[in-house]
C-alpha atoms as a PDB file:
ATOM      1  CA  MET A   1      99.014 -46.445  -8.764  1.00  0.00           C
ATOM      2  CA  THR A   2     100.429 -46.480  -5.057  1.00  0.00           C
ATOM      3  CA  LYS A   3      97.769 -46.936  -2.310  1.00  0.00           C
ATOM      4  CA  LYS A   4      97.794 -43.925   0.294  1.00  0.00           C
ATOM      5  CA  VAL A   5      97.127 -45.020   3.813  1.00  0.00           C
ATOM      6  CA  VAL A   6      95.541 -41.966   5.937  1.00  0.00           C
ATOM      7  CA  ASN A   7      95.387 -42.148   9.536  1.00  0.00           C
ATOM      8  CA  TYR A   8      92.736 -39.915  11.476  1.00  0.00           C
ATOM      9  CA  ALA A   9      92.346 -39.773  15.012  1.00  0.00           C
ATOM     10  CA  ILE A  10      89.196 -39.482  16.369  1.00  0.00           C
ATOM     11  CA  THR A  11      89.031 -37.904  19.822  1.00  0.00           C
ATOM     12  CA  ALA A  12      86.119 -39.079  22.307  1.00  0.00           C
ATOM     13  CA  THR A  13      86.368 -36.403  25.390  1.00  0.00           C
ATOM     14  CA  LEU A  14      83.710 -37.094  28.190  1.00  0.00           C
ATOM     15  CA  ALA A  15      83.202 -34.442  30.795  1.00  0.00           C
ATOM     16  CA  ALA A  16      82.627 -35.940  34.101  1.00  0.00           C
ATOM     17  CA  LEU A  17      80.409 -32.957  34.831  1.00  0.00           C
ATOM     18  CA  LEU A  18      77.846 -34.026  32.284  1.00  0.00           C
ATOM     19  CA  SER A  19      74.744 -35.828  33.625  1.00  0.00           C
ATOM     20  CA  CYS A  20      75.446 -39.490  33.445  1.00  0.00           C
ATOM     21  CA  ILE A  21      74.022 -42.605  35.132  1.00  0.00           C
ATOM     22  CA  VAL A  22      77.565 -44.372  36.842  1.00  0.00           C
ATOM     23  CA  PRO A  23      78.408 -45.456  40.267  1.00  0.00           C
ATOM     24  CA  TYR A  24      78.754 -42.593  42.551  1.00  0.00           C
ATOM     25  CA  GLY A  25      82.447 -41.525  42.900  1.00  0.00           C
ATOM     26  CA  THR A  26      83.304 -43.360  39.856  1.00  0.00           C
ATOM     27  CA  PHE A  27      83.903 -42.587  36.213  1.00  0.00           C
ATOM     28  CA  ALA A  28      85.101 -44.928  33.381  1.00  0.00           C
ATOM     29  CA  GLN A  29      85.748 -44.760  29.967  1.00  0.00           C
ATOM     30  CA  GLY A  30      87.241 -47.007  27.524  1.00  0.00           C
ATOM     31  CA  ASN A  31      89.391 -49.194  30.241  1.00  0.00           C
ATOM     32  CA  LEU A  32      90.175 -46.493  32.530  1.00  0.00           C
ATOM     33  CA  LEU A  33      88.532 -46.021  35.903  1.00  0.00           C
ATOM     34  CA  ILE A  34      89.009 -42.921  37.785  1.00  0.00           C
ATOM     35  CA  THR A  35      87.802 -42.359  41.408  1.00  0.00           C
ATOM     36  CA  PRO A  36      86.523 -39.724  42.281  1.00  0.00           C
ATOM     37  CA  ARG A  37      84.914 -38.067  39.275  1.00  0.00           C
ATOM     38  CA  ARG A  38      85.174 -34.712  40.464  1.00  0.00           C
ATOM     39  CA  VAL A  39      87.596 -32.836  42.828  1.00  0.00           C
ATOM     40  CA  VAL A  40      86.699 -29.860  44.926  1.00  0.00           C
ATOM     41  CA  PHE A  41      88.955 -28.014  47.216  1.00  0.00           C
ATOM     42  CA  GLU A  42      87.294 -25.937  49.706  1.00  0.00           C
ATOM     43  CA  GLY A  43      87.777 -25.070  53.541  1.00  0.00           C
ATOM     44  CA  SER A  44      91.248 -26.163  54.699  1.00  0.00           C
ATOM     45  CA  VAL A  45      91.762 -28.845  52.054  1.00  0.00           C
ATOM     46  CA  LYS A  46      94.913 -28.308  50.003  1.00  0.00           C
ATOM     47  CA  THR A  47      95.695 -31.678  48.315  1.00  0.00           C
ATOM     48  CA  GLN A  48      93.438 -34.364  46.592  1.00  0.00           C
ATOM     49  CA  GLU A  49      94.073 -37.623  44.930  1.00  0.00           C
ATOM     50  CA  LEU A  50      92.601 -39.267  41.823  1.00  0.00           C
ATOM     51  CA  ASN A  51      93.107 -43.103  41.705  1.00  0.00           C
ATOM     52  CA  LEU A  52      93.326 -44.489  38.292  1.00  0.00           C
ATOM     53  CA  ALA A  53      92.945 -48.032  37.639  1.00  0.00           C
ATOM     54  CA  ASN A  54      93.380 -49.982  34.183  1.00  0.00           C
ATOM     55  CA  THR A  55      90.441 -52.712  33.810  1.00  0.00           C
ATOM     56  CA  GLY A  56      91.646 -53.786  30.168  1.00  0.00           C
ATOM     57  CA  LYS A  57      93.811 -56.752  29.160  1.00  0.00           C
ATOM     58  CA  ASP A  58      96.527 -54.601  27.531  1.00  0.00           C
ATOM     59  CA  THR A  59      99.155 -51.775  28.796  1.00  0.00           C
ATOM     60  CA  ALA A  60      97.475 -48.168  28.340  1.00  0.00           C
ATOM     61  CA  ARG A  61      99.411 -44.909  28.676  1.00  0.00           C
ATOM     62  CA  TYR A  62      97.475 -41.522  29.342  1.00  0.00           C
ATOM     63  CA  ASN A  63      98.954 -38.058  29.154  1.00  0.00           C
ATOM     64  CA  VAL A  64      97.425 -35.603  31.938  1.00  0.00           C
ATOM     65  CA  SER A  65      96.759 -31.892  30.963  1.00  0.00           C
ATOM     66  CA  ILE A  66      94.267 -29.088  31.957  1.00  0.00           C
ATOM     67  CA  ILE A  67      91.507 -27.918  29.448  1.00  0.00           C
ATOM     68  CA  GLN A  68      88.520 -25.378  29.880  1.00  0.00           C
ATOM     69  CA  TYR A  69      84.848 -25.788  29.289  1.00  0.00           C
ATOM     70  CA  ARG A  70      81.908 -23.799  29.412  1.00  0.00           C
ATOM     71  CA  MET A  71      78.519 -25.403  30.001  1.00  0.00           C
ATOM     72  CA  LYS A  72      75.797 -24.549  27.750  1.00  0.00           C
ATOM     73  CA  GLU A  73      71.971 -24.395  28.534  1.00  0.00           C
ATOM     74  CA  ASP A  74      71.189 -27.865  27.452  1.00  0.00           C
ATOM     75  CA  GLY A  75      73.966 -29.337  29.809  1.00  0.00           C
ATOM     76  CA  SER A  76      76.703 -29.929  26.804  1.00  0.00           C
ATOM     77  CA  PHE A  77      80.014 -28.724  26.916  1.00  0.00           C
ATOM     78  CA  GLU A  78      82.547 -26.771  24.672  1.00  0.00           C
ATOM     79  CA  GLU A  79      86.229 -26.318  24.933  1.00  0.00           C
ATOM     80  CA  ILE A  80      87.110 -22.650  25.232  1.00  0.00           C
ATOM     81  CA  THR A  81      90.332 -20.562  25.912  1.00  0.00           C
ATOM     82  CA  VAL A  82      89.078 -17.395  27.590  1.00  0.00           C
ATOM     83  CA  PRO A  83      86.603 -17.461  30.430  1.00  0.00           C
ATOM     84  CA  ASP A  84      82.762 -16.211  30.181  1.00  0.00           C
ATOM     85  CA  PRO A  85      82.072 -13.137  31.997  1.00  0.00           C
ATOM     86  CA  GLY A  86      81.495 -14.582  35.762  1.00  0.00           C
ATOM     87  CA  GLN A  87      83.613 -17.632  35.045  1.00  0.00           C
ATOM     88  CA  ASN A  88      87.047 -18.292  36.674  1.00  0.00           C
ATOM     89  CA  PHE A  89      89.516 -20.886  35.734  1.00  0.00           C
ATOM     90  CA  ALA A  90      91.242 -22.938  38.212  1.00  0.00           C
ATOM     91  CA  ASP A  91      94.545 -24.057  36.212  1.00  0.00           C
ATOM     92  CA  LYS A  92      96.849 -21.211  37.547  1.00  0.00           C
ATOM     93  CA  ASN A  93      96.037 -22.341  41.064  1.00  0.00           C
ATOM     94  CA  ILE A  94      96.681 -26.085  40.850  1.00  0.00           C
ATOM     95  CA  ARG A  95      99.634 -28.481  40.577  1.00  0.00           C
ATOM     96  CA  PHE A  96      99.327 -32.196  39.550  1.00  0.00           C
ATOM     97  CA  PHE A  97     101.792 -34.830  39.055  1.00  0.00           C
ATOM     98  CA  PRO A  98     102.527 -37.089  37.190  1.00  0.00           C
ATOM     99  CA  ARG A  99     101.621 -35.616  33.823  1.00  0.00           C
ATOM    100  CA  SER A 100     101.819 -39.079  32.220  1.00  0.00           C
ATOM    101  CA  VAL A 101     100.646 -42.470  33.456  1.00  0.00           C
ATOM    102  CA  THR A 102     101.343 -45.936  32.063  1.00  0.00           C
ATOM    103  CA  LEU A 103      99.156 -48.544  33.397  1.00  0.00           C
ATOM    104  CA  ALA A 104      99.487 -52.420  32.820  1.00  0.00           C
ATOM    105  CA  PRO A 105      96.478 -54.727  32.967  1.00  0.00           C
ATOM    106  CA  ASN A 106      94.620 -54.474  36.557  1.00  0.00           C
ATOM    107  CA  GLU A 107      97.387 -51.788  37.656  1.00  0.00           C
ATOM    108  CA  ALA A 108      96.446 -48.618  39.644  1.00  0.00           C
ATOM    109  CA  GLN A 109      98.264 -45.420  40.459  1.00  0.00           C
ATOM    110  CA  VAL A 110      97.417 -41.901  41.861  1.00  0.00           C
ATOM    111  CA  VAL A 111      97.651 -38.499  40.307  1.00  0.00           C
ATOM    112  CA  LYS A 112      98.209 -36.055  43.043  1.00  0.00           C
ATOM    113  CA  MET A 113      96.459 -32.518  42.857  1.00  0.00           C
ATOM    114  CA  GLN A 114      97.888 -29.734  44.926  1.00  0.00           C
ATOM    115  CA  LEU A 115      96.708 -25.967  45.670  1.00  0.00           C
ATOM    116  CA  THR A 116      99.003 -23.414  44.798  1.00  0.00           C
ATOM    117  CA  LYS A 117      98.877 -19.434  45.331  1.00  0.00           C
ATOM    118  CA  THR A 118      95.552 -19.211  47.321  1.00  0.00           C
ATOM    119  CA  ASN A 119      96.256 -16.198  48.720  1.00  0.00           C
ATOM    120  CA  THR A 120      95.902 -14.452  45.455  1.00  0.00           C
ATOM    121  CA  LEU A 121      92.323 -15.715  44.989  1.00  0.00           C
ATOM    122  CA  THR A 122      89.259 -13.542  45.595  1.00  0.00           C
ATOM    123  CA  PRO A 123      86.000 -15.256  47.275  1.00  0.00           C
ATOM    124  CA  GLY A 124      84.222 -17.194  44.425  1.00  0.00           C
ATOM    125  CA  GLU A 125      84.335 -20.470  42.371  1.00  0.00           C
ATOM    126  CA  TYR A 126      87.225 -21.399  40.130  1.00  0.00           C
ATOM    127  CA  ARG A 127      86.882 -24.231  37.629  1.00  0.00           C
ATOM    128  CA  SER A 128      88.957 -26.178  35.003  1.00  0.00           C
ATOM    129  CA  HIS A 129      88.900 -29.695  33.825  1.00  0.00           C
ATOM    130  CA  VAL A 130      91.654 -32.517  34.199  1.00  0.00           C
ATOM    131  CA  TYR A 131      92.032 -34.317  30.720  1.00  0.00           C
ATOM    132  CA  PHE A 132      93.144 -38.042  30.907  1.00  0.00           C
ATOM    133  CA  ARG A 133      93.969 -38.725  27.061  1.00  0.00           C
ATOM    134  CA  ALA A 134      94.715 -42.095  25.821  1.00  0.00           C
ATOM    135  CA  VAL A 135      97.967 -42.244  23.964  1.00  0.00           C
ATOM    136  CA  PRO A 136      97.376 -44.676  20.729  1.00  0.00           C
ATOM    137  CA  LYS A 137      99.870 -47.766  20.831  1.00  0.00           C
ATOM    138  CA  GLU A 138     102.321 -47.193  18.091  1.00  0.00           C
ATOM    139  CA  LYS A 139     103.517 -50.046  15.777  1.00  0.00           C
ATOM    140  CA  ALA A 140     106.931 -51.752  16.606  1.00  0.00           C
ATOM    141  CA  LEU A 141     109.750 -50.584  14.181  1.00  0.00           C
ATOM    142  CA  GLY A 142     109.714 -52.850  11.313  1.00  0.00           C
ATOM    143  CA  GLU A 143     106.186 -54.064  11.575  1.00  0.00           C
ATOM    144  CA  GLU A 144     104.549 -53.844   8.000  1.00  0.00           C
ATOM    145  CA  GLU A 145     100.949 -53.095   7.222  1.00  0.00           C
ATOM    146  CA  THR A 146      99.069 -56.134   5.110  1.00  0.00           C
ATOM    147  CA  ARG A 147      97.761 -54.638   1.778  1.00  0.00           C
ATOM    148  CA  LYS A 148      95.070 -56.247  -0.235  1.00  0.00           C
ATOM    149  CA  ASP A 149      94.872 -53.475  -2.671  1.00  0.00           C
ATOM    150  CA  SER A 150      97.695 -51.264  -4.299  1.00  0.00           C
ATOM    151  CA  THR A 151      95.279 -48.607  -5.769  1.00  0.00           C
ATOM    152  CA  GLY A 152      93.131 -46.111  -4.175  1.00  0.00           C
ATOM    153  CA  ILE A 153      93.086 -44.449  -0.868  1.00  0.00           C
ATOM    154  CA  SER A 154      92.623 -46.269   2.620  1.00  0.00           C
ATOM    155  CA  VAL A 155      91.490 -44.562   5.350  1.00  0.00           C
ATOM    156  CA  GLN A 156      92.647 -46.062   8.837  1.00  0.00           C
ATOM    157  CA  LEU A 157      90.510 -44.575  12.002  1.00  0.00           C
ATOM    158  CA  VAL A 158      92.198 -44.571  15.242  1.00  0.00           C
ATOM    159  CA  PRO A 159      90.089 -43.967  18.182  1.00  0.00           C
ATOM    160  CA  ILE A 160      91.566 -41.836  20.929  1.00  0.00           C
ATOM    161  CA  PHE A 161      89.702 -41.901  24.172  1.00  0.00           C
ATOM    162  CA  GLY A 162      89.614 -39.609  26.996  1.00  0.00           C
ATOM    163  CA  ILE A 163      88.021 -38.568  30.132  1.00  0.00           C
ATOM    164  CA  THR A 164      87.887 -35.047  31.740  1.00  0.00           C
ATOM    165  CA  ILE A 165      87.335 -34.464  35.755  1.00  0.00           C
ATOM    166  CA  PRO A 166      85.998 -31.182  36.931  1.00  0.00           C
ATOM    167  CA  VAL A 167      88.525 -29.568  39.416  1.00  0.00           C
ATOM    168  CA  ILE A 168      86.846 -26.721  41.473  1.00  0.00           C
ATOM    169  CA  ILE A 169      88.391 -24.338  43.984  1.00  0.00           C
ATOM    170  CA  ARG A 170      85.725 -22.654  46.287  1.00  0.00           C
ATOM    171  CA  VAL A 171      86.667 -19.520  48.373  1.00  0.00           C
ATOM    172  CA  GLY A 172      84.552 -18.211  50.877  1.00  0.00           C
ATOM    173  CA  GLU A 173      80.626 -18.764  51.730  1.00  0.00           C
ATOM    174  CA  SER A 174      78.333 -19.840  49.105  1.00  0.00           C
ATOM    175  CA  THR A 175      75.357 -17.758  48.121  1.00  0.00           C
ATOM    176  CA  THR A 176      74.006 -20.031  45.479  1.00  0.00           C
ATOM    177  CA  ARG A 177      70.339 -20.777  45.232  1.00  0.00           C
ATOM    178  CA  VAL A 178      68.554 -23.183  43.024  1.00  0.00           C
ATOM    179  CA  SER A 179      64.811 -23.471  41.925  1.00  0.00           C
ATOM    180  CA  LEU A 180      63.141 -25.831  39.563  1.00  0.00           C
ATOM    181  CA  SER A 181      60.633 -24.554  36.834  1.00  0.00           C
ATOM    182  CA  ASN A 182      58.858 -25.369  33.387  1.00  0.00           C
ATOM    183  CA  LEU A 183      57.951 -28.885  34.701  1.00  0.00           C
ATOM    184  CA  THR A 184      56.358 -30.847  31.800  1.00  0.00           C
ATOM    185  CA  MET A 185      55.120 -34.302  31.057  1.00  0.00           C
ATOM    186  CA  GLU A 186      54.972 -35.905  27.737  1.00  0.00           C
ATOM    187  CA  MET A 187      54.683 -39.519  26.237  1.00  0.00           C
ATOM    188  CA  VAL A 188      57.310 -39.936  23.379  1.00  0.00           C
ATOM    189  CA  THR A 189      55.782 -42.153  20.793  1.00  0.00           C
ATOM    190  CA  ASP A 190      52.633 -42.756  23.131  1.00  0.00           C
ATOM    191  CA  THR A 191      54.867 -45.283  25.212  1.00  0.00           C
ATOM    192  CA  VAL A 192      58.010 -43.510  26.770  1.00  0.00           C
ATOM    193  CA  PRO A 193      57.028 -41.179  29.778  1.00  0.00           C
ATOM    194  CA  ARG A 194      59.561 -37.999  29.585  1.00  0.00           C
ATOM    195  CA  LEU A 195      59.982 -35.195  32.317  1.00  0.00           C
ATOM    196  CA  LYS A 196      61.174 -31.978  31.087  1.00  0.00           C
ATOM    197  CA  LEU A 197      62.361 -29.010  33.483  1.00  0.00           C
ATOM    198  CA  THR A 198      64.753 -26.192  34.104  1.00  0.00           C
ATOM    199  CA  PHE A 199      67.252 -25.791  36.726  1.00  0.00           C
ATOM    200  CA  ASN A 200      67.538 -22.167  37.856  1.00  0.00           C
ATOM    201  CA  ARG A 201      70.870 -21.069  39.734  1.00  0.00           C
ATOM    202  CA  ASN A 202      71.825 -17.712  41.064  1.00  0.00           C
ATOM    203  CA  GLY A 203      74.801 -16.966  43.250  1.00  0.00           C
ATOM    204  CA  ASN A 204      78.676 -17.306  43.129  1.00  0.00           C
ATOM    205  CA  MET A 205      79.112 -21.198  43.056  1.00  0.00           C
ATOM    206  CA  SER A 206      78.089 -24.156  41.208  1.00  0.00           C
ATOM    207  CA  VAL A 207      75.808 -26.624  42.316  1.00  0.00           C
ATOM    208  CA  TYR A 208      75.984 -30.652  41.763  1.00  0.00           C
ATOM    209  CA  GLY A 209      73.507 -33.268  43.098  1.00  0.00           C
ATOM    210  CA  ASP A 210      70.890 -35.984  42.283  1.00  0.00           C
ATOM    211  CA  LEU A 211      67.375 -35.530  40.965  1.00  0.00           C
ATOM    212  CA  LEU A 212      64.591 -37.883  42.321  1.00  0.00           C
ATOM    213  CA  VAL A 213      61.218 -38.177  41.176  1.00  0.00           C
ATOM    214  CA  ARG A 214      58.304 -39.583  43.231  1.00  0.00           C
ATOM    215  CA  TYR A 215      54.832 -40.289  41.945  1.00  0.00           C
ATOM    216  CA  THR A 216      51.922 -40.151  44.267  1.00  0.00           C
ATOM    217  CA  SER A 217      48.713 -41.645  43.135  1.00  0.00           C
ATOM    218  CA  PRO A 218      44.975 -40.098  43.809  1.00  0.00           C
ATOM    219  CA  GLU A 219      45.082 -42.727  46.908  1.00  0.00           C
ATOM    220  CA  GLY A 220      48.044 -41.298  48.333  1.00  0.00           C
ATOM    221  CA  LYS A 221      50.483 -44.092  47.303  1.00  0.00           C
ATOM    222  CA  VAL A 222      54.170 -42.992  46.600  1.00  0.00           C
ATOM    223  CA  THR A 223      56.220 -44.724  44.272  1.00  0.00           C
ATOM    224  CA  GLU A 224      59.567 -43.885  42.912  1.00  0.00           C
ATOM    225  CA  ALA A 225      59.233 -42.752  39.062  1.00  0.00           C
ATOM    226  CA  GLY A 226      62.961 -42.124  38.390  1.00  0.00           C
ATOM    227  CA  VAL A 227      66.381 -40.955  39.453  1.00  0.00           C
ATOM    228  CA  VAL A 228      69.302 -39.222  37.894  1.00  0.00           C
ATOM    229  CA  LYS A 229      72.700 -38.880  39.669  1.00  0.00           C
ATOM    230  CA  GLY A 230      75.232 -36.297  39.207  1.00  0.00           C
ATOM    231  CA  ILE A 231      73.595 -33.198  37.557  1.00  0.00           C
ATOM    232  CA  ALA A 232      75.320 -30.038  37.653  1.00  0.00           C
ATOM    233  CA  VAL A 233      74.716 -26.554  36.794  1.00  0.00           C
ATOM    234  CA  TYR A 234      77.994 -24.596  36.649  1.00  0.00           C
ATOM    235  CA  THR A 235      78.839 -20.990  36.826  1.00  0.00           C
ATOM    236  CA  PRO A 236      78.267 -18.593  35.294  1.00  0.00           C
ATOM    237  CA  ASN A 237      75.021 -20.153  34.106  1.00  0.00           C
ATOM    238  CA  ALA A 238      71.923 -19.231  35.212  1.00  0.00           C
ATOM    239  CA  ILE A 239      69.831 -21.863  33.840  1.00  0.00           C
ATOM    240  CA  ARG A 240      70.021 -25.792  32.644  1.00  0.00           C
ATOM    241  CA  HIS A 241      67.409 -27.324  30.707  1.00  0.00           C
ATOM    242  CA  PHE A 242      67.124 -31.108  31.361  1.00  0.00           C
ATOM    243  CA  GLN A 243      64.910 -34.090  30.597  1.00  0.00           C
ATOM    244  CA  MET A 244      64.548 -37.530  31.653  1.00  0.00           C
ATOM    245  CA  ASP A 245      62.879 -40.645  30.905  1.00  0.00           C
ATOM    246  CA  LEU A 246      60.668 -41.901  33.822  1.00  0.00           C
ATOM    247  CA  LYS A 247      59.757 -45.562  34.648  1.00  0.00           C
ATOM    248  CA  ARG A 248      56.918 -47.678  33.211  1.00  0.00           C
ATOM    249  CA  ILE A 249      55.498 -49.748  35.775  1.00  0.00           C
ATOM    250  CA  PRO A 250      51.650 -50.537  36.576  1.00  0.00           C
ATOM    251  CA  GLU A 251      52.019 -48.544  39.776  1.00  0.00           C
ATOM    252  CA  ILE A 252      52.238 -45.401  37.863  1.00  0.00           C
ATOM    253  CA  ASN A 253      49.486 -43.761  35.728  1.00  0.00           C
ATOM    254  CA  TYR A 254      50.883 -40.753  34.182  1.00  0.00           C
ATOM    255  CA  HIS A 255      47.781 -39.101  33.553  1.00  0.00           C
ATOM    256  CA  LYS A 256      46.395 -38.467  37.026  1.00  0.00           C
ATOM    257  CA  GLY A 257      47.970 -38.035  40.415  1.00  0.00           C
ATOM    258  CA  LYS A 258      51.308 -35.843  40.732  1.00  0.00           C
ATOM    259  CA  LEU A 259      55.057 -35.983  40.688  1.00  0.00           C
ATOM    260  CA  THR A 260      57.352 -34.560  43.252  1.00  0.00           C
ATOM    261  CA  VAL A 261      60.888 -33.668  41.991  1.00  0.00           C
ATOM    262  CA  VAL A 262      63.619 -33.280  44.438  1.00  0.00           C
ATOM    263  CA  TYR A 263      67.063 -31.931  43.484  1.00  0.00           C
ATOM    264  CA  SER A 264      69.566 -32.716  46.549  1.00  0.00           C
ATOM    265  CA  ALA A 265      73.211 -33.047  47.314  1.00  0.00           C
ATOM    266  CA  GLN A 266      74.794 -36.512  47.186  1.00  0.00           C
ATOM    267  CA  SER A 267      74.994 -37.739  50.651  1.00  0.00           C
ATOM    268  CA  ASP A 268      74.182 -41.080  52.273  1.00  0.00           C
ATOM    269  CA  ILE A 269      73.079 -39.377  55.504  1.00  0.00           C
ATOM    270  CA  ASN A 270      70.378 -36.504  55.516  1.00  0.00           C
ATOM    271  CA  PRO A 271      71.242 -35.102  52.174  1.00  0.00           C
ATOM    272  CA  GLN A 272      70.649 -31.159  51.665  1.00  0.00           C
ATOM    273  CA  ILE A 273      67.676 -30.416  49.620  1.00  0.00           C
ATOM    274  CA  PHE A 274      68.553 -27.942  47.146  1.00  0.00           C
ATOM    275  CA  ALA A 275      65.109 -27.422  45.175  1.00  0.00           C
ATOM    276  CA  GLU A 276      61.750 -29.188  45.170  1.00  0.00           C
ATOM    277  CA  SER A 277      58.751 -28.893  42.814  1.00  0.00           C
ATOM    278  CA  GLU A 278      55.344 -30.461  41.794  1.00  0.00           C
ATOM    279  CA  LEU A 279      53.575 -31.117  38.663  1.00  0.00           C
ATOM    280  CA  ILE A 280      49.824 -32.267  38.841  1.00  0.00           C
ATOM    281  CA  LEU A 281      49.397 -34.854  35.963  1.00  0.00           C
ATOM    282  CA  LYS A 282      46.305 -34.707  33.762  1.00  0.00           C
END
């Protein structure tokens, strides 16, 4: 019996809009580093650049394309082809080049993005995602695979890594407002303090920012209890459920005092506060 070799490609796609703790403005998966991790066209901005860098030891090739996502209420994503009610795709108003990138070790390259047909856009927000898909390295002609057994079936798994970067077009003034609700605290396995909450969004555009949690003791001492950077609530979603593990340090007693939760824009200078709420601990 002749041995059969079956190749399966496993796609590992990450959305940059997902909540992830990575350095501000960068996004990495495998050996590909992308800066920035999201692209927003608004006002007079008509062109943007994505900087790609290969941090690995081997030459890598990536195909660049556009895909569409919906955000679910738990913050996860699923690929779609038809927009949900209240959702607008941006792909018909974006041009980008090149569509394939080959990077040697420690080499960098720019992918340019440009708006087009903007006169056809009505006020609101338009979103698509640029997908950088790694192309598996092909074996050279004549290279033979070593086989130890001539019977049965061999399954060879070939991981295919990818990164998605949200591309957003904003037209007109934003009417978006955000609030925080349903704040609860629980101790997971009696050891891990976990905060749960709900983002409530309304208006014509998405929101994106950082979540900071401060603990205030009964004596009034304030201590940082946790922070998560880069949390988005995309249109047309009205809510997003979220949870985060907080710090376990002697200065914080999660059974008394209070937590102050602040959701604000990413800025090094006087960031805009989107929403703020408090939870009294018991």
